[in-house]
């Protein structure tokens, strides 16, 4: 059961689409896989209005969250967040 939980995504960062894509690229260079969730873009593609254009979420597996945390913090410090 623990192995299943380690694969569960964990929301680690919310920001603009550009900042989320940049952070995702940096984390993937370090071997940390990520997933982007953009409710606004998804809603538009489906013909609905939903979500906030400037609030895009980056999800990281729970098993990688501790390893990703210092990189996310450093990214936020560089961006002045």
Foldseek 3Di string as FASTA:
>chain_A
DVVVLQQDWDWDDWWAPVLLVVLQVVVVVVVWHKDKAAPQVVQVVVVHGDDDNTTIIIITGNNCCVVCVVVVVVSCVVVVD
